Amino acid sequence: MDAVRGLRHRGGRPLNTGAALQYVMDNVFTNSTVSRLDTAKKDVVFLLDGSDGTRNGFSAMRDFVERVVEKLSVGENKDRVSVVQYSREAEVHFSLNTHRTREDVMDAVRGLRHRGGRPLNTGAALQYVMDNVFTNSTGADASGGRSFDNVDTPASALKQRGIFVFAIGSRTSDSRELQRLSFEPSYALSVSDFSGLDTVQEQISSLMSTAVVRSRPLTTTETVGRQTPARDVVFLLDATDATRSDFPAVQDFVQRVVETLLVDEKKDRVSVVQYSRDPAVQFYLNTYMTKDEILNAVRNLRHKGGRSLNTGAALQYLRENVFTASSGSRRLEGVPQVLILLSSGRSADSVDAPASALKQMGILTFAVGSRGSDSRELQRISHKPTSAFTVAEFTDLSSVPQQLLASLEALPIDVTPETPTDSEILYQNLLQMTGHLCVCHWIKDLGQQRAAKAIV
């Protein structure tokens, strides 16, 4: 503070901001001036397209790897590097624990020879890297063409493992495939040909630094600070035929949100429902009580399919069958009730009445739609207009979780639910008397033929 108060205006012309930024990078953000940018450890794996189509560009790929490695702090307790080349099959040139100095890594990179081969099986290579090379952290994939096999499942599995994938493609690459490969769409970069890799080297280094900060585990203080009241979170997923190819991205989205929750019988609970013409419950709020069980169930989801998108009917179904005490909802105990809807199109039926009924129950609805959705419909469904989000495609869902999680963290602690019905009061009293749920059957409520779930 004393030093800042003593500052005097420098003066001078002209204003060279570019030169100043370069000076700061070269002279201030350095180890010699005690910058701590490079204190985080990284495990970096380069997965290089070694198919016949990249023979002429391979030397440029090799130079790119060298330039990135030069920015790393290679050491046994610092950054580690591995290089894998692939075409039909993957081949490890050296593993993360092979070389312990930057010089050794650089020598090994300079000695790389193009592998050759056909076809380009990127999916199989990703799976191989995950099973045989990675222990954690970061990956860079340089690809010269579209994969011959499917990349969605292994790419999703890498994301689930917390591996930050950066994909770099040439003009013959499939840009959408690169985005699906990457941890986030913004981590997919393109060059006209591999001789232009030097133009994205600084960008990759910057993105890697950002990824490392995001991957750092929470400290004890941060963990305590994140603890929030219990929440019941229900995912309602559009499973119409139009979302079949996007379903891995939908699964990945659900898993990312679940990863941030504190799953436990007395903390956060999760349910997943798919819908098209009709809804189908994949699991209820009281089905699984550990995060691992839920993540495993989400990974094993199978796309439901169906043509008609009846969002209104699905919302009504949730009100009657999921946000209920018998299905694990703790609404009557004042636990915040959260609904996260993913919809790719406009509903074939009316959403207004069921959406209003959910709001009256105190359900906090967040709606996420793609370009085919009706933004006004999403806003009417959401508990407030700012709780509606839109992405171009479901493959871009990775851009949503941070906004959504910030909203979840800001949920009100004291939730005033709708006054419980006589049937719900009866259910709660019976539950307290028996201590556990035995079996459900139909009963008459107040002399009417209204069906209500209760325990024997």
Protein backbone atom coordinates (compact mmCIF):
# COMPACT_ATOMS: atom_id res chain seq x y z
CA MET A 1 0.00 0.00 0.00
CA ASP A 2 2.83 2.39 0.84
CA ALA A 3 4.47 1.65 -2.52
CA VAL A 4 1.22 2.28 -4.40
CA ARG A 5 0.64 5.57 -2.56
CA GLY A 6 4.14 6.65 -3.63
CA LEU A 7 3.53 6.08 -7.36
CA ARG A 8 4.20 9.04 -9.65
CA HIS A 9 2.78 9.44 -13.15
CA ARG A 10 5.33 8.38 -15.77
CA GLY A 11 4.26 10.38 -18.84
CA GLY A 12 5.41 9.83 -22.43
CA ARG A 13 4.09 9.15 -25.93
CA PRO A 14 2.90 7.03 -27.74
CA LEU A 15 0.94 4.29 -25.87
CA ASN A 16 2.51 0.89 -26.74
CA THR A 17 0.22 -1.57 -24.96
CA GLY A 18 1.40 -4.53 -27.06
CA ALA A 19 5.04 -3.98 -26.16
CA ALA A 20 4.07 -3.54 -22.50
CA LEU A 21 2.18 -6.83 -22.44
CA GLN A 22 5.15 -8.60 -24.03
CA TYR A 23 7.49 -7.02 -21.46
CA VAL A 24 5.30 -8.17 -18.56
CA MET A 25 5.22 -11.71 -19.94
CA ASP A 26 8.99 -11.82 -20.47
CA ASN A 27 10.12 -10.00 -17.34
CA VAL A 28 7.44 -10.08 -14.64
CA PHE A 29 5.55 -13.37 -14.92
CA THR A 30 8.78 -15.34 -14.56
CA ASN A 31 10.36 -17.55 -11.92
CA SER A 32 13.10 -14.98 -11.36
CA THR A 33 10.48 -12.43 -10.25
CA VAL A 34 8.77 -15.01 -8.02
CA SER A 35 5.78 -15.63 -10.31
CA ARG A 36 4.02 -18.83 -9.22
CA LEU A 37 2.41 -19.69 -12.55
CA ASP A 38 4.39 -22.90 -12.92
CA THR A 39 4.02 -24.32 -9.43
CA ALA A 40 1.14 -26.66 -10.32
CA LYS A 41 2.02 -30.15 -11.52
CA LYS A 42 0.74 -31.39 -14.86
CA ASP A 43 0.74 -34.79 -16.53
CA VAL A 44 0.72 -33.97 -20.25
CA VAL A 45 0.12 -36.58 -22.93
CA PHE A 46 0.47 -35.76 -26.64
CA LEU A 47 -1.62 -37.99 -28.90
CA LEU A 48 -0.34 -37.50 -32.44
CA ASP A 49 -2.04 -38.49 -35.69
CA GLY A 50 0.59 -40.69 -37.33
CA SER A 51 -1.53 -41.87 -40.27
CA ASP A 52 -0.37 -41.69 -43.87
CA GLY A 53 -2.18 -38.38 -44.36
CA THR A 54 0.12 -36.55 -41.90
CA ARG A 55 3.48 -37.72 -43.27
CA ASN A 56 4.35 -34.29 -44.73
CA GLY A 57 3.17 -32.43 -41.64
CA PHE A 58 4.81 -34.63 -39.04
CA SER A 59 7.94 -32.52 -38.61
CA ALA A 60 5.69 -29.52 -37.83
CA MET A 61 3.84 -31.64 -35.26
CA ARG A 62 7.14 -32.59 -33.67
CA ASP A 63 8.21 -28.92 -33.53
CA PHE A 64 4.89 -28.05 -31.89
CA VAL A 65 5.41 -30.65 -29.16
CA GLU A 66 8.91 -29.27 -28.54
CA ARG A 67 7.62 -25.71 -28.19
CA VAL A 68 4.95 -26.74 -25.68
CA VAL A 69 7.46 -28.83 -23.68
CA GLU A 70 9.81 -25.84 -23.51
CA LYS A 71 7.11 -24.01 -21.51
CA LEU A 72 6.74 -26.85 -18.98
CA SER A 73 8.65 -27.35 -15.74
CA VAL A 74 9.61 -30.96 -16.29
CA GLY A 75 10.75 -32.87 -13.22
CA GLU A 76 9.93 -35.88 -11.05
CA ASN A 77 7.77 -33.79 -8.74
CA LYS A 78 6.73 -31.28 -11.40
CA ASP A 79 5.44 -31.72 -14.96
CA ARG A 80 5.61 -35.08 -16.72
CA VAL A 81 5.24 -35.76 -20.43
CA SER A 82 4.24 -38.70 -22.60
CA VAL A 83 3.95 -39.01 -26.39
CA VAL A 84 1.68 -41.47 -28.18
CA GLN A 85 1.36 -41.81 -31.94
CA TYR A 86 -1.57 -43.54 -33.60
CA SER A 87 -3.25 -44.52 -36.83
CA ARG A 88 -5.06 -47.89 -36.87
CA GLU A 89 -3.52 -48.63 -33.45
CA ALA A 90 -1.80 -46.56 -30.80
CA GLU A 91 1.92 -46.75 -29.99
CA VAL A 92 3.50 -45.25 -26.85
CA HIS A 93 6.84 -43.61 -27.62
CA PHE A 94 7.50 -42.85 -23.97
CA SER A 95 5.34 -42.87 -20.85
CA LEU A 96 4.81 -40.21 -18.19
CA ASN A 97 7.43 -41.79 -15.93
CA THR A 98 10.08 -42.44 -18.62
CA HIS A 99 11.92 -39.08 -18.67
CA ARG A 100 12.54 -36.86 -15.64
CA THR A 101 14.20 -33.81 -17.24
CA ARG A 102 13.14 -31.42 -19.96
CA GLU A 103 16.29 -32.17 -21.93
CA ASP A 104 15.54 -35.91 -21.95
CA VAL A 105 11.98 -35.27 -23.14
CA MET A 106 13.20 -32.89 -25.85
CA ASP A 107 15.76 -35.43 -27.09
CA ALA A 108 13.08 -38.11 -27.24
CA VAL A 109 10.71 -35.81 -29.15
CA ARG A 110 13.41 -34.89 -31.67
CA GLY A 111 13.98 -38.60 -32.28
CA LEU A 112 10.32 -39.32 -33.15
CA ARG A 113 9.71 -40.95 -36.54
CA HIS A 114 6.41 -40.91 -38.40
CA ARG A 115 4.47 -44.11 -37.83
CA GLY A 116 2.20 -44.31 -40.88
CA GLY A 117 -0.81 -46.54 -41.38
CA ARG A 118 -4.52 -46.53 -42.14
CA PRO A 119 -7.26 -45.91 -41.03
CA LEU A 120 -7.37 -43.19 -38.34
CA ASN A 121 -9.00 -44.75 -35.25
CA THR A 122 -9.13 -41.82 -32.83
CA GLY A 123 -11.74 -43.47 -30.62
CA ALA A 124 -9.61 -46.55 -30.05
CA ALA A 125 -6.55 -44.35 -29.42
CA LEU A 126 -8.39 -42.32 -26.77
CA GLN A 127 -9.49 -45.51 -25.07
CA TYR A 128 -5.93 -46.84 -25.19
CA VAL A 129 -4.51 -43.66 -23.68
CA MET A 130 -7.08 -43.71 -20.88
CA ASP A 131 -6.42 -47.38 -20.08
CA ASN A 132 -2.64 -47.42 -20.48
CA VAL A 133 -1.12 -43.95 -20.21
CA PHE A 134 -3.14 -41.52 -18.14
CA THR A 135 -3.14 -41.26 -14.40
CA ASN A 136 -4.65 -37.76 -14.25
CA SER A 137 -4.86 -34.25 -15.59
CA THR A 138 -4.19 -33.04 -19.14
CA GLY A 139 -4.02 -34.21 -22.74
CA ALA A 140 -3.38 -32.70 -26.16
CA ASP A 141 -4.55 -34.41 -29.35
CA ALA A 142 -3.30 -33.35 -32.77
CA SER A 143 -5.36 -34.86 -35.56
CA GLY A 144 -5.18 -34.53 -39.32
CA GLY A 145 -8.53 -36.02 -40.28
CA ARG A 146 -11.87 -37.41 -39.22
CA SER A 147 -11.81 -40.55 -37.11
CA PHE A 148 -12.78 -43.82 -38.75
CA ASP A 149 -14.33 -45.05 -35.48
CA ASN A 150 -16.65 -43.46 -32.91
CA VAL A 151 -15.05 -41.01 -30.48
CA ASP A 152 -18.02 -40.11 -28.25
CA THR A 153 -17.82 -42.87 -25.65
CA PRO A 154 -14.05 -42.72 -24.98
CA ALA A 155 -14.09 -38.90 -25.07
CA SER A 156 -16.89 -38.85 -22.52
CA ALA A 157 -15.03 -41.36 -20.34
CA LEU A 158 -11.91 -39.17 -20.39
CA LYS A 159 -13.97 -36.17 -19.26
CA GLN A 160 -15.47 -38.25 -16.46
CA ARG A 161 -11.93 -39.05 -15.31
CA GLY A 162 -11.18 -35.31 -15.11
CA ILE A 163 -8.78 -35.38 -18.07
CA PHE A 164 -8.58 -32.05 -19.90
CA VAL A 165 -8.42 -32.83 -23.62
CA PHE A 166 -7.31 -30.17 -26.11
CA ALA A 167 -7.90 -31.14 -29.76
CA ILE A 168 -6.06 -29.50 -32.65
CA GLY A 169 -7.15 -30.28 -36.18
CA SER A 170 -6.17 -29.32 -39.69
CA ARG A 171 -8.54 -28.28 -42.47
CA THR A 172 -9.42 -31.94 -43.16
CA SER A 173 -10.57 -32.51 -39.59
CA ASP A 174 -14.21 -32.54 -38.50
CA SER A 175 -14.63 -29.43 -36.31
CA ARG A 176 -17.64 -30.88 -34.48
CA GLU A 177 -15.74 -34.07 -33.77
CA LEU A 178 -12.87 -32.01 -32.37
CA GLN A 179 -15.31 -30.21 -30.07
CA ARG A 180 -16.78 -33.49 -28.87
CA LEU A 181 -13.27 -34.77 -28.22
CA SER A 182 -12.30 -31.70 -26.21
CA PHE A 183 -13.06 -31.15 -22.54
CA GLU A 184 -14.89 -27.98 -23.60
CA PRO A 185 -15.75 -26.75 -27.12
CA SER A 186 -13.37 -23.80 -26.61
CA TYR A 187 -10.53 -26.33 -26.18
CA ALA A 188 -10.85 -27.36 -29.85
CA LEU A 189 -8.50 -25.44 -32.14
CA SER A 190 -7.98 -25.52 -35.91
CA VAL A 191 -5.15 -24.65 -38.27
CA SER A 192 -5.15 -24.65 -42.05
CA ASP A 193 -2.34 -27.21 -42.04
CA PHE A 194 0.16 -28.45 -39.48
CA SER A 195 2.77 -25.93 -40.58
CA GLY A 196 0.56 -23.37 -38.81
CA LEU A 197 0.74 -25.09 -35.43
CA ASP A 198 3.03 -22.37 -34.10
CA THR A 199 0.05 -19.97 -34.22
CA VAL A 200 -1.84 -21.92 -31.52
CA GLN A 201 1.09 -22.90 -29.29
CA GLU A 202 0.69 -19.91 -26.93
CA GLN A 203 -3.06 -20.49 -26.82
CA ILE A 204 -2.57 -24.13 -25.82
CA SER A 205 -0.11 -23.19 -23.08
CA SER A 206 -2.55 -20.62 -21.72
CA LEU A 207 -5.48 -23.05 -21.80
CA MET A 208 -3.40 -25.69 -20.05
CA SER A 209 -2.60 -23.27 -17.23
CA THR A 210 -6.30 -22.51 -16.84
CA ALA A 211 -7.13 -26.22 -16.77
CA VAL A 212 -4.58 -26.90 -14.05
CA VAL A 213 -6.13 -24.23 -11.82
CA ARG A 214 -9.57 -25.77 -12.35
CA SER A 215 -8.31 -29.28 -11.57
CA ARG A 216 -6.73 -28.42 -8.23
CA PRO A 217 -8.44 -30.23 -5.34
CA LEU A 218 -10.36 -28.13 -2.84
CA THR A 219 -8.62 -27.27 0.39
CA THR A 220 -10.28 -28.14 3.69
CA THR A 221 -11.41 -24.53 4.06
CA GLU A 222 -12.91 -24.48 0.56
CA THR A 223 -14.69 -27.79 1.15
CA VAL A 224 -16.27 -26.55 4.35
CA GLY A 225 -17.29 -23.35 2.60
CA ARG A 226 -19.05 -25.29 -0.15
CA GLN A 227 -21.21 -27.31 2.17
CA THR A 228 -24.82 -26.37 1.50
CA PRO A 229 -28.18 -27.49 2.85
CA ALA A 230 -29.55 -30.72 1.41
CA ARG A 231 -31.11 -30.61 -2.07
CA ASP A 232 -33.32 -32.97 -4.04
CA VAL A 233 -32.19 -32.69 -7.67
CA VAL A 234 -34.23 -34.19 -10.53
CA PHE A 235 -32.95 -34.26 -14.13
CA LEU A 236 -35.64 -34.38 -16.84
CA LEU A 237 -33.94 -35.32 -20.12
CA ASP A 238 -35.31 -34.94 -23.63
CA ALA A 239 -34.90 -38.43 -25.11
CA THR A 240 -36.64 -37.95 -28.45
CA ASP A 241 -35.11 -39.37 -31.62
CA ALA A 242 -33.63 -35.95 -32.39
CA THR A 243 -31.29 -36.17 -29.37
CA ARG A 244 -29.92 -39.68 -30.01
CA SER A 245 -26.53 -38.56 -31.34
CA ASP A 246 -26.24 -35.92 -28.60
CA PHE A 247 -27.07 -38.28 -25.74
CA PRO A 248 -23.42 -38.84 -24.66
CA ALA A 249 -23.11 -35.06 -24.22
CA VAL A 250 -26.31 -35.07 -22.15
CA GLN A 251 -24.94 -37.87 -19.96
CA ASP A 252 -21.68 -35.96 -19.56
CA PHE A 253 -23.61 -32.85 -18.50
CA VAL A 254 -25.54 -34.75 -15.83
CA GLN A 255 -22.35 -36.34 -14.51
CA ARG A 256 -20.58 -32.97 -14.26
CA VAL A 257 -23.39 -31.53 -12.17
CA VAL A 258 -23.60 -34.65 -9.98
CA GLU A 259 -19.83 -34.48 -9.38
CA THR A 260 -20.35 -31.14 -7.61
CA LEU A 261 -23.09 -32.42 -5.31
CA LEU A 262 -22.68 -33.80 -1.79
CA VAL A 263 -24.64 -37.00 -2.30
CA ASP A 264 -25.88 -38.68 0.83
CA GLU A 265 -29.18 -39.82 2.32
CA LYS A 266 -29.25 -36.69 4.51
CA LYS A 267 -27.64 -34.33 1.99
CA ASP A 268 -28.16 -34.19 -1.79
CA ARG A 269 -30.32 -36.76 -3.58
CA VAL A 270 -30.63 -37.26 -7.33
CA SER A 271 -33.24 -38.65 -9.73
CA VAL A 272 -33.12 -38.98 -13.52
CA VAL A 273 -36.14 -39.15 -15.83
CA GLN A 274 -36.09 -39.45 -19.63
CA TYR A 275 -39.08 -38.42 -21.70
CA SER A 276 -40.44 -38.11 -25.22
CA ARG A 277 -44.14 -38.93 -25.72
CA ASP A 278 -44.18 -40.43 -22.22
CA PRO A 279 -41.76 -40.08 -19.29
CA ALA A 280 -39.67 -42.98 -17.96
CA VAL A 281 -38.03 -42.84 -14.53
CA GLN A 282 -34.45 -44.14 -14.64
CA PHE A 283 -34.07 -43.91 -10.86
CA TYR A 284 -35.85 -42.11 -8.03
CA LEU A 285 -34.53 -39.76 -5.35
CA ASN A 286 -34.34 -42.64 -2.87
CA THR A 287 -32.89 -45.26 -5.26
CA TYR A 288 -29.19 -44.45 -4.79
CA MET A 289 -27.51 -42.83 -1.79
CA THR A 290 -23.89 -42.55 -2.98
CA LYS A 291 -22.33 -40.45 -5.73
CA ASP A 292 -20.57 -43.47 -7.27
CA GLU A 293 -23.87 -45.35 -7.63
CA ILE A 294 -25.49 -42.38 -9.33
CA LEU A 295 -22.57 -41.74 -11.70
CA ASN A 296 -22.51 -45.41 -12.65
CA ALA A 297 -26.26 -45.36 -13.31
CA VAL A 298 -25.92 -42.26 -15.50
CA ARG A 299 -23.07 -43.82 -17.49
CA ASN A 300 -25.26 -46.86 -18.18
CA LEU A 301 -28.32 -44.91 -19.34
CA ARG A 302 -29.75 -46.00 -22.67
CA HIS A 303 -31.43 -43.46 -24.91
CA LYS A 304 -35.21 -43.85 -24.74
CA GLY A 305 -36.20 -42.56 -28.16
CA GLY A 306 -39.60 -41.42 -29.40
CA ARG A 307 -40.93 -38.76 -31.75
CA SER A 308 -43.32 -36.52 -29.85
CA LEU A 309 -41.93 -34.18 -27.16
CA ASN A 310 -44.60 -33.84 -24.48
CA THR A 311 -42.89 -31.61 -21.95
CA GLY A 312 -46.14 -30.63 -20.27
CA ALA A 313 -47.11 -34.23 -19.56
CA ALA A 314 -43.60 -34.95 -18.28
CA LEU A 315 -43.75 -32.02 -15.84
CA GLN A 316 -47.15 -33.21 -14.61
CA TYR A 317 -45.75 -36.73 -14.17
CA LEU A 318 -42.87 -35.41 -12.04
CA ARG A 319 -45.30 -33.54 -9.81
CA GLU A 320 -47.40 -36.64 -9.19
CA ASN A 321 -44.75 -39.37 -9.14
CA VAL A 322 -41.25 -38.03 -8.44
CA PHE A 323 -41.53 -34.97 -6.21
CA THR A 324 -43.35 -37.13 -3.67
CA ALA A 325 -42.36 -38.48 -0.27
CA SER A 326 -42.74 -42.07 -1.42
CA SER A 327 -40.18 -41.44 -4.18
CA GLY A 328 -37.66 -39.88 -1.79
CA SER A 329 -38.57 -36.20 -2.03
CA ARG A 330 -38.05 -34.27 1.22
CA ARG A 331 -40.20 -31.33 0.16
CA LEU A 332 -42.35 -31.62 3.28
CA GLU A 333 -39.19 -31.28 5.38
CA GLY A 334 -38.33 -27.97 3.68
CA VAL A 335 -35.48 -29.38 1.57
CA PRO A 336 -35.02 -27.34 -1.67
CA GLN A 337 -36.48 -29.15 -4.67
CA VAL A 338 -34.55 -28.64 -7.93
CA LEU A 339 -35.58 -29.65 -11.43
CA ILE A 340 -33.07 -29.43 -14.29
CA LEU A 341 -34.77 -29.81 -17.67
CA LEU A 342 -32.89 -30.45 -20.93
CA SER A 343 -35.09 -29.88 -23.99
CA SER A 344 -34.13 -29.85 -27.67
CA GLY A 345 -37.41 -28.58 -29.10
CA ARG A 346 -40.78 -27.01 -28.55
CA SER A 347 -43.27 -29.06 -26.57
CA ALA A 348 -46.14 -30.70 -28.46
CA ASP A 349 -48.45 -30.07 -25.50
CA SER A 350 -49.02 -27.10 -23.20
CA VAL A 351 -46.48 -26.56 -20.43
CA ASP A 352 -48.16 -23.64 -18.64
CA ALA A 353 -50.45 -25.42 -16.17
CA PRO A 354 -47.97 -28.12 -15.04
CA ALA A 355 -45.11 -25.58 -14.84
CA SER A 356 -47.28 -23.32 -12.70
CA ALA A 357 -48.22 -26.25 -10.46
CA LEU A 358 -44.55 -27.08 -9.90
CA LYS A 359 -43.82 -23.47 -8.96
CA GLN A 360 -46.69 -23.56 -6.46
CA MET A 361 -45.10 -26.61 -4.88
CA GLY A 362 -41.86 -24.66 -4.46
CA ILE A 363 -39.96 -26.57 -7.18
CA LEU A 364 -37.00 -24.55 -8.49
CA THR A 365 -36.80 -25.34 -12.21
CA PHE A 366 -33.80 -24.64 -14.44
CA ALA A 367 -34.41 -25.19 -18.16
CA VAL A 368 -31.63 -25.75 -20.71
CA GLY A 369 -32.58 -25.78 -24.39
CA SER A 370 -30.84 -26.12 -27.72
CA ARG A 371 -31.35 -24.03 -30.83
CA GLY A 372 -34.59 -25.90 -31.65
CA SER A 373 -36.20 -24.93 -28.35
CA ASP A 374 -38.66 -22.11 -27.74
CA SER A 375 -36.82 -19.65 -25.48
CA ARG A 376 -40.07 -18.18 -24.17
CA GLU A 377 -41.37 -21.63 -23.33
CA LEU A 378 -38.16 -22.37 -21.42
CA GLN A 379 -38.57 -19.14 -19.46
CA ARG A 380 -42.20 -20.00 -18.59
CA ILE A 381 -41.10 -23.41 -17.34
CA SER A 382 -38.21 -22.03 -15.27
CA HIS A 383 -38.87 -20.73 -11.77
CA LYS A 384 -37.61 -17.36 -13.05
CA PRO A 385 -36.63 -16.19 -16.57
CA THR A 386 -32.91 -15.97 -15.73
CA SER A 387 -32.97 -19.70 -14.89
CA ALA A 388 -33.44 -20.57 -18.58
CA PHE A 389 -30.27 -21.27 -20.59
CA THR A 390 -29.76 -21.88 -24.31
CA VAL A 391 -26.94 -23.58 -26.25
CA ALA A 392 -26.54 -24.02 -29.99
CA GLU A 393 -26.27 -27.81 -29.69
CA PHE A 394 -26.30 -30.25 -26.79
CA THR A 395 -22.63 -30.89 -27.58
CA ASP A 396 -22.09 -27.36 -26.20
CA LEU A 397 -23.60 -28.24 -22.81
CA SER A 398 -20.18 -28.02 -21.17
CA SER A 399 -20.55 -24.23 -21.25
CA VAL A 400 -23.62 -24.36 -18.99
CA PRO A 401 -22.61 -26.11 -15.71
CA GLN A 402 -20.73 -23.15 -14.20
CA GLN A 403 -23.73 -20.83 -14.61
CA LEU A 404 -26.08 -23.53 -13.38
CA LEU A 405 -23.92 -24.44 -10.39
CA ALA A 406 -23.67 -20.81 -9.37
CA SER A 407 -27.46 -20.69 -9.37
CA LEU A 408 -27.65 -23.92 -7.35
CA GLU A 409 -25.22 -22.57 -4.78
CA ALA A 410 -27.44 -19.49 -4.40
CA LEU A 411 -30.57 -21.52 -3.63
CA PRO A 412 -32.56 -20.22 -0.66
CA ILE A 413 -31.92 -22.08 2.57
CA ASP A 414 -35.46 -21.64 3.84
CA VAL A 415 -37.95 -23.00 1.35
CA THR A 416 -41.65 -22.62 2.04
CA PRO A 417 -43.32 -25.56 0.31
CA GLU A 418 -46.93 -25.84 -0.69
CA THR A 419 -49.16 -26.80 2.23
CA PRO A 420 -49.14 -30.62 2.35
CA THR A 421 -52.30 -32.43 1.40
CA ASP A 422 -54.14 -34.73 3.80
CA SER A 423 -52.73 -37.68 1.85
CA GLU A 424 -49.18 -36.42 2.32
CA ILE A 425 -49.73 -35.83 6.04
CA LEU A 426 -51.09 -39.37 6.34
CA TYR A 427 -48.07 -40.71 4.47
CA GLN A 428 -45.64 -38.85 6.73
CA ASN A 429 -47.40 -40.05 9.90
CA LEU A 430 -47.38 -43.67 8.69
CA LEU A 431 -43.73 -43.37 7.71
CA GLN A 432 -42.81 -42.09 11.17
CA MET A 433 -44.74 -44.93 12.82
CA THR A 434 -43.22 -47.73 10.76
CA GLY A 435 -39.77 -46.24 10.21
CA HIS A 436 -39.45 -47.65 6.72
CA LEU A 437 -41.34 -48.06 3.48
CA CYS A 438 -42.87 -51.52 3.17
CA VAL A 439 -45.16 -51.55 0.15
CA CYS A 440 -47.42 -49.10 -1.68
CA HIS A 441 -51.09 -49.64 -2.33
CA TRP A 442 -54.16 -47.60 -3.18
CA ILE A 443 -56.27 -46.09 -0.37
CA LYS A 444 -59.36 -43.91 -0.18
CA ASP A 445 -58.70 -40.38 1.01
CA LEU A 446 -61.42 -38.55 2.95
CA GLY A 447 -64.11 -40.72 1.43
CA GLN A 448 -63.15 -39.78 -2.13
CA GLN A 449 -61.87 -42.12 -4.84
CA ARG A 450 -58.65 -40.10 -5.10
CA ALA A 451 -55.59 -42.34 -5.34
CA ALA A 452 -52.76 -41.71 -2.91
CA LYS A 453 -49.55 -43.62 -2.20
CA ALA A 454 -49.20 -44.86 1.35
CA ILE A 455 -47.55 -47.63 3.30
CA VAL A 456 -49.36 -50.57 4.82
